[in-house]
């Protein structure tokens, strides 16, 4: 007996289209808001790239805050703010924000995937935001961070390359259950990109 053609569905469609079973569940609106990075995941073209760009924008804002602290914050007793102090301020804030996004993304991605009944829905892009922010932890080297647009661009390119390439163990991490499988491969890509960014900056490239 031949299969019903209406019941046949491609893997791509199954991964990207919400299941009809979701209509019986309460929609986790906040989790979907986080998982889609404020709705960027719903963009029809390259939603993952837009998620990465949000990570770039957040990092740029953290750099500006660090530079403002260097300019306006009271200096330490008997001394003055240095470029190293500003960089440490940036890295501490970047690390803290990256951890928050990591855990929020892990929770939200898992909730959204369960609701959508898909392993890795295309609309979930908080993993790209998280991986991109991890990438910029590689900016911790000596030197000023005031003019770092080239490193922001390089970090974006490196992360996108590693995210697409998925070197070991990124591809293997996709097999992890729930939100872990959605997020972990981008964390690995972010770590690889951070190492590349750190090396490039340490060499003065």
Foldseek 3Di string as FASTA:
>chain_A
DDDDVVPDDDPVCLQAPFDPVLVVDDDPVVLLCLQLVNVLLVDPPPSLLVLLVVLLVVLVVLLVVLVVCQVPPDAPPPDHDDQLNSLVSSLVVLVVVLVVLLVSNLVSQLVVCVSRVHLAHSSGNSLSSSLLSLLCNLVNDDDHPPPCVVLSVQSSVQLVVCLVVQDPPLVVQLPDDGSRNHRVSSNVSSVRNSVVSNVCVVVVD
